[in-house]
């Protein structure tokens, strides 16, 4: 599976290593091409997963603000609900395509 923005692969991993949570594919942290990611100040709260942190994605000088999110410390019980530890796994939106 690949996460692509601006015709650039920003993350890649075998499908078996990804997690599917609420319709979103979550990539393992080691699958990110780190040169495209920088920390964002943006955060949101999920009532059952906890606080999500975000990355900005930058390709060829163009920034996609808060285009990727992850849970650094999932809420108690959420890992059991998902069935896998998703700590640090990254999901995408804002025009980032996830393809096989």
Protein backbone atom coordinates (compact mmCIF):
# COMPACT_ATOMS: atom_id res chain seq x y z
CA UNK A 1 0.00 0.00 0.00
CA UNK A 2 1.14 3.53 -0.74
CA UNK A 3 0.20 6.99 0.47
CA UNK A 4 0.71 9.47 -2.37
CA UNK A 5 0.56 13.25 -2.52
CA UNK A 6 1.63 15.42 -5.47
CA UNK A 7 2.68 12.26 -7.38
CA UNK A 8 5.14 11.42 -4.59
CA UNK A 9 5.07 8.30 -2.41
CA UNK A 10 5.15 9.61 1.16
CA UNK A 11 4.55 6.23 2.86
CA UNK A 12 4.69 2.61 1.71
CA UNK A 13 4.07 -0.69 3.46
CA UNK A 14 2.67 -4.16 2.79
CA UNK A 15 -1.10 -4.21 3.28
CA UNK A 16 -0.72 -6.84 6.02
CA UNK A 17 1.23 -4.31 8.12
CA UNK A 18 -1.47 -1.62 7.95
CA UNK A 19 -4.43 -1.30 10.30
CA UNK A 20 -7.96 -0.39 9.18
CA UNK A 21 -9.74 1.76 11.77
CA UNK A 22 -13.09 3.43 11.08
CA UNK A 23 -12.53 3.22 7.32
CA UNK A 24 -9.03 4.72 7.39
CA UNK A 25 -5.79 2.90 6.61
CA UNK A 26 -3.14 3.46 9.29
CA UNK A 27 0.49 3.01 8.21
CA UNK A 28 3.19 1.83 10.63
CA UNK A 29 5.56 4.64 11.68
CA UNK A 30 8.56 3.03 9.99
CA UNK A 31 6.78 3.13 6.61
CA UNK A 32 6.88 6.94 6.37
CA UNK A 33 9.34 8.70 4.09
CA UNK A 34 10.29 11.05 6.92
CA UNK A 35 11.73 13.78 4.70
CA UNK A 36 8.15 14.76 3.75
CA UNK A 37 6.81 15.04 7.31
CA UNK A 38 7.08 17.74 9.95
CA UNK A 39 5.27 18.13 13.27
CA UNK A 40 2.10 20.22 13.31
CA UNK A 41 0.61 22.04 16.29
CA UNK A 42 -2.82 20.76 15.28
CA UNK A 43 -4.55 18.26 17.59
CA UNK A 44 -8.04 16.79 17.78
CA UNK A 45 -9.82 14.58 20.27
CA UNK A 46 -11.54 11.28 19.58
CA UNK A 47 -13.85 10.20 22.39
CA UNK A 48 -12.60 6.60 22.28
CA UNK A 49 -9.10 6.76 20.71
CA UNK A 50 -7.80 9.83 22.53
CA UNK A 51 -5.82 12.87 21.39
CA UNK A 52 -4.51 12.78 17.85
CA UNK A 53 -1.41 14.67 16.79
CA UNK A 54 -0.74 15.74 13.21
CA UNK A 55 2.02 16.04 10.65
CA UNK A 56 2.26 18.57 7.87
CA UNK A 57 3.28 16.98 4.58
CA UNK A 58 5.65 18.92 2.30
CA UNK A 59 6.46 17.94 -1.29
CA UNK A 60 8.42 20.21 -3.65
CA UNK A 61 7.99 23.14 -1.26
CA UNK A 62 4.19 22.82 -1.13
CA UNK A 63 2.77 22.21 2.34
CA UNK A 64 -0.36 20.15 3.03
CA UNK A 65 -1.21 21.31 6.56
CA UNK A 66 -2.13 18.60 9.07
CA UNK A 67 -2.56 16.02 6.29
CA UNK A 68 -1.56 13.06 8.47
CA UNK A 69 -2.56 12.10 12.00
CA UNK A 70 -1.58 9.59 14.66
CA UNK A 71 -2.20 8.71 18.29
CA UNK A 72 0.95 8.91 20.40
CA UNK A 73 -0.85 7.65 23.51
CA UNK A 74 -4.17 5.94 22.70
CA UNK A 75 -6.87 6.03 25.38
CA UNK A 76 -7.18 3.09 27.76
CA UNK A 77 -9.25 0.35 26.16
CA UNK A 78 -8.87 1.63 22.59
CA UNK A 79 -6.08 -0.79 21.64
CA UNK A 80 -8.25 -3.68 22.81
CA UNK A 81 -11.20 -2.31 20.82
CA UNK A 82 -9.08 -2.11 17.63
CA UNK A 83 -7.46 -5.46 18.32
CA UNK A 84 -3.94 -4.14 17.62
CA UNK A 85 -1.65 -1.56 19.15
CA UNK A 86 -2.00 1.44 16.82
CA UNK A 87 0.32 3.74 18.78
CA UNK A 88 2.15 5.97 16.30
CA UNK A 89 0.40 4.53 13.23
CA UNK A 90 -0.35 7.26 10.68
CA UNK A 91 -3.52 7.91 8.65
CA UNK A 92 -4.02 10.47 5.88
CA UNK A 93 -6.56 12.90 4.46
CA UNK A 94 -6.64 16.29 2.65
CA UNK A 95 -5.90 14.93 -0.80
CA UNK A 96 -3.41 12.23 0.15
CA UNK A 97 -4.37 9.10 -1.81
CA UNK A 98 -3.99 5.65 -0.30
CA UNK A 99 -3.70 2.98 -3.00
CA UNK A 100 -2.71 -0.66 -3.35
